[in-house]
Amino acid sequence: MVAEALPTQNIIAVDRIENNALVLKSGALRKILMVLGINFDLKSEEEQNLIIFTYQNFLNSLNFSIQQFVHTRKLNIEDYLTKVAQLQNSEKNELLKNLIGEYKEFVGSLVAQNPIMSKSFFVIVPYDPIGLPQAGKTALKKFTGLFKKEPVQTAQESPTSIESFTQLEQRVDQVTTGLSQIGLRVVPLNEQELSELLYNLYNP
């Protein structure tokens, strides 16, 4: 007898997306920020030391935990190659047409042997209303720990109250300011982007 597979909704601890934030089944809130990186290796030694020092001060200034993760995905360039093929077919100049064809074959062969990977960097800002267990106390906790099931809330405060979201946004502002001082651009994910991220994470 084959056991029936559980729906994904029963496995992850995300209850819903509200006000551009994840609301966990425990009532805890999570805001996910996309961070656009900088090329650290191209910086001078003095600039690198300044970045490290500023980042260290940023971490020491926080009175709550944050989690960081890198999402790596293989890029699909089939649409790009199709557009190149269409450009080749519409080209009247035979020399340019042959060059475009060689370029398409080169890119297709290169990607087949060396898959192109895209990396996205994220920071997760938590807020656990009073009475909820604090998640992610250790810096080495895995990203999947964000979505593990938590004990039932015992506090009287509503997890989706205006105050809860206000507290979360204050933390987001603090993190955004700290990372911006390092030269990093921070973009909070909206509801659609959060849905797409969760889908991609659980459907690699």
N, C-alpha and C. Protein backbone atom coordinates (compact mmCIF):
# COMPACT_ATOMS: atom_id res chain seq x y z
N MET A 1 0.84 -1.19 0.00
CA MET A 1 0.00 0.00 0.00
C MET A 1 0.88 1.25 0.00
N VAL A 2 0.65 2.15 -0.92
CA VAL A 2 1.46 3.36 -1.05
C VAL A 2 0.83 4.48 -0.23
N ALA A 3 1.66 5.10 0.63
CA ALA A 3 1.16 6.20 1.45
C ALA A 3 0.85 7.41 0.59
N GLU A 4 -0.22 8.10 0.92
CA GLU A 4 -0.62 9.28 0.16
C GLU A 4 0.28 10.46 0.50
N ALA A 5 0.76 11.15 -0.52
CA ALA A 5 1.66 12.28 -0.31
C ALA A 5 0.92 13.45 0.33
N LEU A 6 1.60 14.10 1.25
CA LEU A 6 0.99 15.25 1.92
C LEU A 6 1.11 16.49 1.05
N PRO A 7 0.12 17.35 1.06
CA PRO A 7 0.22 18.62 0.33
C PRO A 7 1.38 19.44 0.88
N THR A 8 1.99 20.24 0.00
CA THR A 8 3.11 21.08 0.42
C THR A 8 2.71 22.00 1.56
N GLN A 9 1.45 22.48 1.55
CA GLN A 9 1.00 23.40 2.59
C GLN A 9 1.09 22.80 3.98
N ASN A 10 1.02 21.45 4.06
CA ASN A 10 1.09 20.79 5.36
C ASN A 10 2.53 20.58 5.83
N ILE A 11 3.49 20.78 4.94
CA ILE A 11 4.88 20.53 5.27
C ILE A 11 5.59 21.79 5.74
N ILE A 12 5.38 22.88 5.03
CA ILE A 12 6.05 24.13 5.40
C ILE A 12 5.22 24.87 6.45
N ALA A 13 5.89 25.74 7.19
CA ALA A 13 5.22 26.43 8.29
C ALA A 13 4.72 27.81 7.91
N VAL A 14 4.78 28.16 6.63
CA VAL A 14 4.26 29.45 6.19
C VAL A 14 2.75 29.35 6.05
N ASP A 15 2.05 30.20 6.75
CA ASP A 15 0.58 30.18 6.70
C ASP A 15 0.06 31.01 5.54
N ARG A 16 0.62 32.22 5.38
CA ARG A 16 0.13 33.10 4.31
C ARG A 16 1.11 34.26 4.14
N ILE A 17 0.86 35.06 3.13
CA ILE A 17 1.62 36.28 2.89
C ILE A 17 0.69 37.47 3.16
N GLU A 18 1.13 38.36 4.02
CA GLU A 18 0.31 39.51 4.39
C GLU A 18 1.20 40.74 4.55
N ASN A 19 0.77 41.86 3.96
CA ASN A 19 1.55 43.10 4.05
C ASN A 19 3.00 42.90 3.61
N ASN A 20 3.17 42.12 2.54
CA ASN A 20 4.51 41.85 1.98
C ASN A 20 5.43 41.16 2.97
N ALA A 21 4.85 40.37 3.86
CA ALA A 21 5.63 39.61 4.84
C ALA A 21 5.07 38.20 4.93
N LEU A 22 5.92 37.26 5.35
CA LEU A 22 5.47 35.89 5.58
C LEU A 22 4.91 35.79 6.99
N VAL A 23 3.73 35.22 7.11
CA VAL A 23 3.14 34.94 8.41
C VAL A 23 3.22 33.43 8.62
N LEU A 24 3.99 33.01 9.61
CA LEU A 24 4.13 31.59 9.89
C LEU A 24 2.92 31.07 10.65
N LYS A 25 2.76 29.76 10.66
CA LYS A 25 1.62 29.17 11.35
C LYS A 25 1.68 29.42 12.85
N SER A 26 2.87 29.70 13.35
CA SER A 26 3.03 30.01 14.78
C SER A 26 2.61 31.43 15.10
N GLY A 27 2.42 32.27 14.06
CA GLY A 27 2.10 33.67 14.27
C GLY A 27 3.30 34.58 14.11
N ALA A 28 4.50 34.00 13.96
CA ALA A 28 5.71 34.81 13.78
C ALA A 28 5.72 35.42 12.38
N LEU A 29 6.44 36.54 12.25
CA LEU A 29 6.52 37.25 10.98
C LEU A 29 7.94 37.19 10.44
N ARG A 30 8.05 37.14 9.11
CA ARG A 30 9.34 37.15 8.45
C ARG A 30 9.29 38.07 7.24
N LYS A 31 10.26 38.96 7.15
CA LYS A 31 10.39 39.83 5.98
C LYS A 31 11.66 39.41 5.24
N ILE A 32 11.56 39.26 3.93
CA ILE A 32 12.70 38.82 3.14
C ILE A 32 13.18 39.98 2.26
N LEU A 33 14.47 40.27 2.37
CA LEU A 33 15.08 41.36 1.62
C LEU A 33 16.07 40.79 0.62
N MET A 34 15.95 41.22 -0.63
CA MET A 34 16.97 40.86 -1.61
C MET A 34 18.09 41.88 -1.54
N VAL A 35 19.32 41.38 -1.50
CA VAL A 35 20.49 42.24 -1.40
C VAL A 35 21.34 42.08 -2.65
N LEU A 36 21.61 43.20 -3.31
CA LEU A 36 22.46 43.18 -4.50
C LEU A 36 23.91 43.34 -4.06
N GLY A 37 24.72 42.34 -4.38
CA GLY A 37 26.09 42.30 -3.89
C GLY A 37 27.03 43.27 -4.57
N ILE A 38 28.23 43.37 -4.02
CA ILE A 38 29.30 44.17 -4.60
C ILE A 38 30.48 43.25 -4.89
N ASN A 39 31.33 43.65 -5.82
CA ASN A 39 32.51 42.84 -6.15
C ASN A 39 33.62 43.17 -5.16
N PHE A 40 33.70 42.36 -4.13
CA PHE A 40 34.65 42.60 -3.04
C PHE A 40 36.09 42.51 -3.53
N ASP A 41 36.35 41.60 -4.46
CA ASP A 41 37.72 41.36 -4.93
C ASP A 41 38.28 42.54 -5.70
N LEU A 42 37.42 43.37 -6.29
CA LEU A 42 37.89 44.52 -7.05
C LEU A 42 38.21 45.72 -6.17
N LYS A 43 37.88 45.62 -4.90
CA LYS A 43 38.15 46.72 -3.98
C LYS A 43 39.61 46.70 -3.54
N SER A 44 40.11 47.86 -3.19
CA SER A 44 41.46 47.93 -2.65
C SER A 44 41.47 47.34 -1.25
N GLU A 45 42.66 47.08 -0.74
CA GLU A 45 42.77 46.49 0.60
C GLU A 45 42.15 47.41 1.64
N GLU A 46 42.36 48.70 1.49
CA GLU A 46 41.78 49.66 2.43
C GLU A 46 40.26 49.64 2.37
N GLU A 47 39.71 49.57 1.14
CA GLU A 47 38.25 49.52 0.99
C GLU A 47 37.69 48.22 1.56
N GLN A 48 38.39 47.12 1.35
CA GLN A 48 37.94 45.83 1.89
C GLN A 48 37.90 45.85 3.41
N ASN A 49 38.94 46.41 4.02
CA ASN A 49 38.98 46.49 5.48
C ASN A 49 37.86 47.37 6.01
N LEU A 50 37.56 48.45 5.28
CA LEU A 50 36.48 49.34 5.70
C LEU A 50 35.13 48.63 5.61
N ILE A 51 34.92 47.85 4.55
CA ILE A 51 33.68 47.09 4.38
C ILE A 51 33.52 46.08 5.51
N ILE A 52 34.59 45.36 5.82
CA ILE A 52 34.54 44.35 6.89
C ILE A 52 34.25 45.01 8.23
N PHE A 53 34.90 46.13 8.50
CA PHE A 53 34.70 46.84 9.77
C PHE A 53 33.27 47.35 9.89
N THR A 54 32.76 47.93 8.79
CA THR A 54 31.39 48.46 8.80
C THR A 54 30.37 47.34 8.97
N TYR A 55 30.61 46.20 8.30
CA TYR A 55 29.69 45.06 8.42
C TYR A 55 29.71 44.50 9.84
N GLN A 56 30.90 44.47 10.44
CA GLN A 56 31.00 43.99 11.81
C GLN A 56 30.22 44.88 12.77
N ASN A 57 30.36 46.18 12.58
CA ASN A 57 29.61 47.13 13.42
C ASN A 57 28.11 46.98 13.21
N PHE A 58 27.71 46.72 11.97
CA PHE A 58 26.29 46.52 11.68
C PHE A 58 25.74 45.32 12.44
N LEU A 59 26.46 44.21 12.40
CA LEU A 59 25.99 43.01 13.10
C LEU A 59 25.93 43.24 14.61
N ASN A 60 26.93 43.93 15.14
CA ASN A 60 26.97 44.19 16.59
C ASN A 60 25.86 45.14 17.03
N SER A 61 25.34 45.93 16.10
CA SER A 61 24.30 46.90 16.46
C SER A 61 22.92 46.28 16.56
N LEU A 62 22.76 45.07 16.06
CA LEU A 62 21.45 44.42 16.05
C LEU A 62 21.16 43.77 17.40
N ASN A 63 19.95 43.94 17.88
CA ASN A 63 19.52 43.26 19.11
C ASN A 63 18.53 42.14 18.79
N PHE A 64 18.55 41.70 17.54
CA PHE A 64 17.72 40.57 17.11
C PHE A 64 18.52 39.79 16.07
N SER A 65 18.11 38.57 15.82
CA SER A 65 18.84 37.73 14.88
C SER A 65 18.35 37.97 13.46
N ILE A 66 19.26 37.81 12.51
CA ILE A 66 18.89 37.81 11.09
C ILE A 66 19.48 36.55 10.48
N GLN A 67 18.94 36.17 9.36
CA GLN A 67 19.47 35.01 8.64
C GLN A 67 19.73 35.41 7.20
N GLN A 68 20.79 34.85 6.66
CA GLN A 68 21.19 35.16 5.29
C GLN A 68 21.32 33.86 4.50
N PHE A 69 20.89 33.90 3.25
CA PHE A 69 21.06 32.72 2.42
C PHE A 69 21.25 33.13 0.97
N VAL A 70 21.87 32.24 0.22
CA VAL A 70 22.14 32.44 -1.20
C VAL A 70 21.32 31.43 -1.98
N HIS A 71 20.54 31.91 -2.92
CA HIS A 71 19.71 31.05 -3.76
C HIS A 71 20.36 30.91 -5.12
N THR A 72 20.78 29.70 -5.47
CA THR A 72 21.46 29.44 -6.73
C THR A 72 20.56 28.63 -7.65
N ARG A 73 20.42 29.11 -8.87
CA ARG A 73 19.59 28.42 -9.84
C ARG A 73 20.28 28.36 -11.19
N LYS A 74 20.01 27.30 -11.94
CA LYS A 74 20.54 27.16 -13.29
C LYS A 74 19.68 27.98 -14.25
N LEU A 75 20.32 28.84 -15.02
CA LEU A 75 19.59 29.68 -15.96
C LEU A 75 19.18 28.90 -17.20
N ASN A 76 17.96 29.12 -17.65
CA ASN A 76 17.47 28.52 -18.89
C ASN A 76 17.56 29.57 -19.99
N ILE A 77 18.41 29.33 -20.99
CA ILE A 77 18.62 30.32 -22.05
C ILE A 77 17.96 29.90 -23.35
N GLU A 78 17.03 28.95 -23.29
CA GLU A 78 16.37 28.48 -24.51
C GLU A 78 15.64 29.63 -25.22
N ASP A 79 14.98 30.48 -24.45
CA ASP A 79 14.27 31.62 -25.06
C ASP A 79 15.25 32.55 -25.77
N TYR A 80 16.41 32.75 -25.16
CA TYR A 80 17.42 33.62 -25.76
C TYR A 80 17.92 33.03 -27.07
N LEU A 81 18.20 31.72 -27.07
CA LEU A 81 18.68 31.07 -28.28
C LEU A 81 17.62 31.09 -29.37
N THR A 82 16.35 30.99 -28.98
CA THR A 82 15.26 31.06 -29.96
C THR A 82 15.22 32.43 -30.62
N LYS A 83 15.40 33.49 -29.81
CA LYS A 83 15.41 34.85 -30.37
C LYS A 83 16.60 35.05 -31.31
N VAL A 84 17.75 34.47 -30.95
CA VAL A 84 18.93 34.57 -31.82
C VAL A 84 18.66 33.86 -33.14
N ALA A 85 17.99 32.70 -33.07
CA ALA A 85 17.66 31.96 -34.29
C ALA A 85 16.70 32.75 -35.17
N GLN A 86 15.74 33.42 -34.55
CA GLN A 86 14.81 34.25 -35.30
C GLN A 86 15.53 35.42 -35.96
N LEU A 87 16.49 36.00 -35.24
CA LEU A 87 17.29 37.09 -35.80
C LEU A 87 18.12 36.60 -36.98
N GLN A 88 18.64 35.39 -36.85
CA GLN A 88 19.43 34.81 -37.94
C GLN A 88 18.57 34.60 -39.19
N ASN A 89 17.37 34.11 -39.00
CA ASN A 89 16.48 33.82 -40.14
C ASN A 89 16.02 35.09 -40.85
N SER A 90 15.91 36.18 -40.09
CA SER A 90 15.43 37.43 -40.69
C SER A 90 16.56 38.27 -41.30
N GLU A 91 17.81 37.88 -41.06
CA GLU A 91 18.94 38.64 -41.57
C GLU A 91 19.13 38.40 -43.07
N LYS A 92 19.26 39.47 -43.84
CA LYS A 92 19.40 39.37 -45.30
C LYS A 92 20.87 39.23 -45.71
N ASN A 93 21.75 39.84 -44.92
CA ASN A 93 23.18 39.77 -45.24
C ASN A 93 23.71 38.38 -44.89
N GLU A 94 24.22 37.65 -45.89
CA GLU A 94 24.66 36.27 -45.68
C GLU A 94 25.83 36.19 -44.70
N LEU A 95 26.74 37.18 -44.75
CA LEU A 95 27.88 37.16 -43.84
C LEU A 95 27.41 37.28 -42.39
N LEU A 96 26.54 38.27 -42.14
CA LEU A 96 26.01 38.45 -40.79
C LEU A 96 25.18 37.25 -40.37
N LYS A 97 24.46 36.68 -41.32
CA LYS A 97 23.63 35.51 -41.01
C LYS A 97 24.49 34.34 -40.55
N ASN A 98 25.62 34.13 -41.22
CA ASN A 98 26.52 33.04 -40.84
C ASN A 98 27.17 33.32 -39.47
N LEU A 99 27.51 34.59 -39.24
CA LEU A 99 28.12 34.96 -37.95
C LEU A 99 27.14 34.74 -36.80
N ILE A 100 25.88 35.11 -37.02
CA ILE A 100 24.87 34.90 -35.98
C ILE A 100 24.68 33.41 -35.71
N GLY A 101 24.70 32.61 -36.79
CA GLY A 101 24.56 31.16 -36.62
C GLY A 101 25.72 30.56 -35.84
N GLU A 102 26.93 31.02 -36.11
CA GLU A 102 28.09 30.54 -35.37
C GLU A 102 28.03 30.95 -33.91
N TYR A 103 27.55 32.17 -33.69
CA TYR A 103 27.42 32.67 -32.32
C TYR A 103 26.41 31.82 -31.54
N LYS A 104 25.27 31.51 -32.18
CA LYS A 104 24.24 30.70 -31.52
C LYS A 104 24.78 29.31 -31.17
N GLU A 105 25.52 28.71 -32.10
CA GLU A 105 26.08 27.39 -31.83
C GLU A 105 27.12 27.44 -30.71
N PHE A 106 27.92 28.52 -30.71
CA PHE A 106 28.94 28.67 -29.68
C PHE A 106 28.30 28.79 -28.29
N VAL A 107 27.28 29.66 -28.17
CA VAL A 107 26.63 29.86 -26.87
C VAL A 107 25.94 28.58 -26.42
N GLY A 108 25.25 27.91 -27.36
CA GLY A 108 24.56 26.66 -27.01
C GLY A 108 25.53 25.60 -26.52
N SER A 109 26.68 25.48 -27.20
CA SER A 109 27.68 24.49 -26.80
C SER A 109 28.33 24.85 -25.48
N LEU A 110 28.58 26.15 -25.28
CA LEU A 110 29.21 26.60 -24.04
C LEU A 110 28.33 26.33 -22.83
N VAL A 111 27.05 26.64 -22.96
CA VAL A 111 26.11 26.43 -21.85
C VAL A 111 25.89 24.95 -21.59
N ALA A 112 25.91 24.15 -22.64
CA ALA A 112 25.72 22.70 -22.47
C ALA A 112 26.84 22.10 -21.64
N GLN A 113 28.06 22.61 -21.82
CA GLN A 113 29.21 22.09 -21.10
C GLN A 113 29.42 22.78 -19.75
N ASN A 114 29.02 24.03 -19.68
CA ASN A 114 29.20 24.81 -18.45
C ASN A 114 27.91 25.57 -18.14
N PRO A 115 26.99 24.93 -17.41
CA PRO A 115 25.71 25.57 -17.10
C PRO A 115 25.91 26.93 -16.43
N ILE A 116 25.13 27.90 -16.86
CA ILE A 116 25.19 29.24 -16.28
C ILE A 116 24.30 29.29 -15.04
N MET A 117 24.90 29.69 -13.92
CA MET A 117 24.18 29.74 -12.66
C MET A 117 23.96 31.18 -12.25
N SER A 118 22.78 31.45 -11.73
CA SER A 118 22.48 32.78 -11.18
C SER A 118 22.39 32.66 -9.66
N LYS A 119 22.93 33.66 -8.98
CA LYS A 119 22.90 33.68 -7.52
C LYS A 119 22.14 34.91 -7.03
N SER A 120 21.23 34.67 -6.10
CA SER A 120 20.48 35.76 -5.48
C SER A 120 20.76 35.72 -3.98
N PHE A 121 20.97 36.91 -3.40
CA PHE A 121 21.32 37.01 -1.99
C PHE A 121 20.14 37.60 -1.21
N PHE A 122 19.83 36.96 -0.09
CA PHE A 122 18.68 37.38 0.70
C PHE A 122 19.04 37.50 2.18
N VAL A 123 18.36 38.42 2.85
CA VAL A 123 18.44 38.55 4.30
C VAL A 123 17.03 38.43 4.85
N ILE A 124 16.85 37.63 5.88
CA ILE A 124 15.54 37.40 6.47
C ILE A 124 15.48 38.09 7.82
N VAL A 125 14.52 38.99 7.96
CA VAL A 125 14.35 39.75 9.20
C VAL A 125 13.15 39.16 9.94
N PRO A 126 13.33 38.70 11.17
CA PRO A 126 12.22 38.09 11.91
C PRO A 126 11.58 39.04 12.91
N TYR A 127 10.34 38.75 13.23
CA TYR A 127 9.69 39.37 14.39
C TYR A 127 8.76 38.34 15.00
N ASP A 128 9.00 38.02 16.25
CA ASP A 128 8.18 37.06 16.98
C ASP A 128 7.40 37.80 18.06
N PRO A 129 6.08 37.91 17.90
CA PRO A 129 5.27 38.59 18.93
C PRO A 129 5.50 38.00 20.31
N ILE A 130 5.20 38.80 21.33
CA ILE A 130 5.42 38.38 22.72
C ILE A 130 4.74 37.05 22.99
N GLY A 131 5.51 36.14 23.60
CA GLY A 131 4.95 34.83 23.94
C GLY A 131 5.33 33.76 22.96
N LEU A 132 5.85 34.17 21.78
CA LEU A 132 6.28 33.17 20.81
C LEU A 132 7.73 32.81 21.05
N PRO A 133 8.10 31.55 20.80
CA PRO A 133 9.51 31.17 20.94
C PRO A 133 10.33 31.90 19.90
N GLN A 134 11.51 32.39 20.27
CA GLN A 134 12.38 33.12 19.37
C GLN A 134 13.08 32.12 18.44
N ALA A 135 12.89 32.31 17.14
CA ALA A 135 13.48 31.40 16.17
C ALA A 135 14.82 31.94 15.71
N GLY A 136 15.70 31.02 15.30
CA GLY A 136 16.94 31.41 14.67
C GLY A 136 17.92 32.08 15.60
N LYS A 137 18.16 31.53 16.79
CA LYS A 137 19.05 32.17 17.75
C LYS A 137 20.52 32.02 17.34
N THR A 138 20.85 30.95 16.59
CA THR A 138 22.23 30.75 16.20
C THR A 138 22.44 31.17 14.77
N ALA A 139 23.62 31.74 14.52
CA ALA A 139 23.91 32.25 13.18
C ALA A 139 24.05 31.13 12.17
N LEU A 140 24.37 29.92 12.63
CA LEU A 140 24.60 28.81 11.71
C LEU A 140 23.33 28.02 11.42
N LYS A 141 22.21 28.48 11.94
CA LYS A 141 20.95 27.77 11.70
C LYS A 141 20.61 27.81 10.23
N LYS A 142 20.19 26.69 9.68
CA LYS A 142 19.90 26.62 8.25
C LYS A 142 18.67 27.43 7.89
N PHE A 143 18.63 27.84 6.62
CA PHE A 143 17.50 28.62 6.13
C PHE A 143 16.19 27.88 6.33
N THR A 144 16.19 26.55 6.16
CA THR A 144 14.95 25.78 6.30
C THR A 144 14.40 25.85 7.70
N GLY A 145 15.23 26.22 8.68
CA GLY A 145 14.75 26.36 10.05
C GLY A 145 13.73 27.47 10.19
N LEU A 146 13.73 28.39 9.24
CA LEU A 146 12.76 29.48 9.30
C LEU A 146 11.34 28.96 9.18
N PHE A 147 11.20 27.84 8.49
CA PHE A 147 9.87 27.37 8.16
C PHE A 147 9.48 26.11 8.93
N LYS A 148 10.21 25.79 9.99
CA LYS A 148 9.83 24.64 10.79
C LYS A 148 8.64 25.00 11.67
N LYS A 149 7.91 24.00 12.04
CA LYS A 149 6.71 24.25 12.83
C LYS A 149 7.07 24.68 14.25
N GLU A 150 6.36 25.65 14.77
CA GLU A 150 6.60 26.20 16.09
C GLU A 150 5.44 25.83 17.02
N PRO A 151 5.68 25.86 18.33
CA PRO A 151 4.58 25.64 19.28
C PRO A 151 3.49 26.68 19.12
N VAL A 152 2.31 26.33 19.55
CA VAL A 152 1.17 27.23 19.42
C VAL A 152 1.40 28.49 20.24
N GLN A 153 0.98 29.62 19.71
CA GLN A 153 1.17 30.91 20.38
C GLN A 153 0.37 30.96 21.67
N THR A 154 1.00 31.57 22.69
CA THR A 154 0.32 31.68 23.98
C THR A 154 0.05 33.13 24.37
N ALA A 155 0.59 34.07 23.60
CA ALA A 155 0.44 35.48 23.96
C ALA A 155 -0.93 36.00 23.58
N GLN A 156 -1.31 37.08 24.23
CA GLN A 156 -2.57 37.70 23.92
C GLN A 156 -2.47 38.60 22.70
N GLU A 157 -1.25 39.02 22.36
CA GLU A 157 -1.06 39.93 21.24
C GLU A 157 -1.35 39.20 19.94
N SER A 158 -2.07 39.81 19.04
CA SER A 158 -2.36 39.21 17.74
C SER A 158 -1.12 39.24 16.88
N PRO A 159 -0.76 38.10 16.23
CA PRO A 159 0.47 38.06 15.43
C PRO A 159 0.38 38.94 14.20
N THR A 160 -0.81 39.29 13.76
CA THR A 160 -0.94 40.12 12.57
C THR A 160 -1.47 41.51 12.93
N SER A 161 -1.27 41.92 14.16
CA SER A 161 -1.71 43.24 14.56
C SER A 161 -0.86 44.30 13.88
N ILE A 162 -1.36 45.50 13.84
CA ILE A 162 -0.61 46.61 13.25
C ILE A 162 0.70 46.80 13.98
N GLU A 163 0.69 46.63 15.29
CA GLU A 163 1.90 46.80 16.09
C GLU A 163 2.98 45.80 15.67
N SER A 164 2.57 44.56 15.41
CA SER A 164 3.53 43.53 15.01
C SER A 164 4.21 43.90 13.70
N PHE A 165 3.41 44.32 12.72
CA PHE A 165 3.99 44.71 11.43
C PHE A 165 4.84 45.98 11.56
N THR A 166 4.44 46.87 12.45
CA THR A 166 5.22 48.09 12.68
C THR A 166 6.59 47.75 13.25
N GLN A 167 6.61 46.84 14.22
CA GLN A 167 7.88 46.41 14.81
C GLN A 167 8.76 45.73 13.77
N LEU A 168 8.15 44.93 12.91
CA LEU A 168 8.91 44.26 11.85
C LEU A 168 9.51 45.28 10.90
N GLU A 169 8.73 46.27 10.51
CA GLU A 169 9.22 47.29 9.57
C GLU A 169 10.35 48.11 10.18
N GLN A 170 10.30 48.35 11.49
CA GLN A 170 11.39 49.07 12.15
C GLN A 170 12.68 48.28 12.07
N ARG A 171 12.57 46.97 12.23
CA ARG A 171 13.76 46.13 12.10
C ARG A 171 14.27 46.13 10.66
N VAL A 172 13.34 46.08 9.72
CA VAL A 172 13.72 46.12 8.30
C VAL A 172 14.47 47.41 7.98
N ASP A 173 13.98 48.52 8.50
CA ASP A 173 14.64 49.81 8.28
C ASP A 173 16.05 49.80 8.86
N GLN A 174 16.20 49.20 10.02
CA GLN A 174 17.52 49.15 10.65
C GLN A 174 18.50 48.32 9.82
N VAL A 175 18.02 47.18 9.35
CA VAL A 175 18.87 46.31 8.52
C VAL A 175 19.20 46.99 7.20
N THR A 176 18.20 47.61 6.58
CA THR A 176 18.42 48.29 5.31
C THR A 176 19.44 49.41 5.44
N THR A 177 19.33 50.19 6.50
CA THR A 177 20.28 51.28 6.73
C THR A 177 21.69 50.75 6.93
N GLY A 178 21.81 49.70 7.74
CA GLY A 178 23.12 49.13 8.02
C GLY A 178 23.80 48.58 6.78
N LEU A 179 23.04 47.86 5.94
CA LEU A 179 23.61 47.30 4.72
C LEU A 179 23.91 48.38 3.69
N SER A 180 23.08 49.42 3.67
CA SER A 180 23.31 50.52 2.72
C SER A 180 24.61 51.24 3.02
N GLN A 181 24.99 51.32 4.29
CA GLN A 181 26.24 51.96 4.67
C GLN A 181 27.45 51.20 4.15
N ILE A 182 27.27 49.93 3.83
CA ILE A 182 28.35 49.13 3.26
C ILE A 182 28.42 49.30 1.75
N GLY A 183 27.38 49.91 1.19
CA GLY A 183 27.32 50.07 -0.26
C GLY A 183 26.44 49.05 -0.94
N LEU A 184 25.62 48.33 -0.15
CA LEU A 184 24.74 47.31 -0.69
C LEU A 184 23.35 47.88 -0.91
N ARG A 185 22.74 47.50 -2.01
CA ARG A 185 21.37 47.92 -2.28
C ARG A 185 20.41 46.83 -1.77
N VAL A 186 19.42 47.25 -1.02
CA VAL A 186 18.48 46.33 -0.39
C VAL A 186 17.09 46.57 -0.95
N VAL A 187 16.43 45.49 -1.39
CA VAL A 187 15.09 45.60 -1.97
C VAL A 187 14.16 44.60 -1.26
N PRO A 188 13.17 45.07 -0.48
CA PRO A 188 12.21 44.14 0.14
C PRO A 188 11.35 43.46 -0.92
N LEU A 189 11.10 42.18 -0.75
CA LEU A 189 10.26 41.46 -1.70
C LEU A 189 8.79 41.77 -1.44
N ASN A 190 8.03 41.95 -2.52
CA ASN A 190 6.59 42.15 -2.37
C ASN A 190 5.88 40.79 -2.39
N GLU A 191 4.56 40.81 -2.34
CA GLU A 191 3.79 39.56 -2.21
C GLU A 191 4.03 38.62 -3.39
N GLN A 192 4.03 39.16 -4.61
CA GLN A 192 4.24 38.31 -5.78
C GLN A 192 5.65 37.72 -5.77
N GLU A 193 6.63 38.53 -5.43
CA GLU A 193 8.02 38.05 -5.40
C GLU A 193 8.22 37.01 -4.31
N LEU A 194 7.55 37.18 -3.17
CA LEU A 194 7.63 36.18 -2.11
C LEU A 194 7.03 34.85 -2.57
N SER A 195 5.91 34.93 -3.27
CA SER A 195 5.27 33.71 -3.77
C SER A 195 6.18 32.99 -4.75
N GLU A 196 6.81 33.76 -5.65
CA GLU A 196 7.71 33.16 -6.63
C GLU A 196 8.93 32.54 -5.96
N LEU A 197 9.46 33.21 -4.94
CA LEU A 197 10.63 32.68 -4.23
C LEU A 197 10.29 31.37 -3.54
N LEU A 198 9.17 31.32 -2.84
CA LEU A 198 8.76 30.09 -2.17
C LEU A 198 8.54 28.97 -3.17
N TYR A 199 7.91 29.30 -4.31
CA TYR A 199 7.67 28.28 -5.32
C TYR A 199 8.99 27.72 -5.84
N ASN A 200 9.94 28.62 -6.14
CA ASN A 200 11.24 28.17 -6.66
C ASN A 200 12.03 27.37 -5.64
N LEU A 201 11.91 27.74 -4.37
CA LEU A 201 12.64 27.01 -3.32
C LEU A 201 12.14 25.58 -3.18
N TYR A 202 10.83 25.40 -3.29
CA TYR A 202 10.26 24.07 -3.10
C TYR A 202 10.02 23.34 -4.43
N ASN A 203 10.34 23.99 -5.55
CA ASN A 203 10.26 23.35 -6.86
C ASN A 203 11.53 23.67 -7.65
N PRO A 204 12.68 23.16 -7.18
CA PRO A 204 13.96 23.53 -7.81
C PRO A 204 14.03 23.04 -9.24
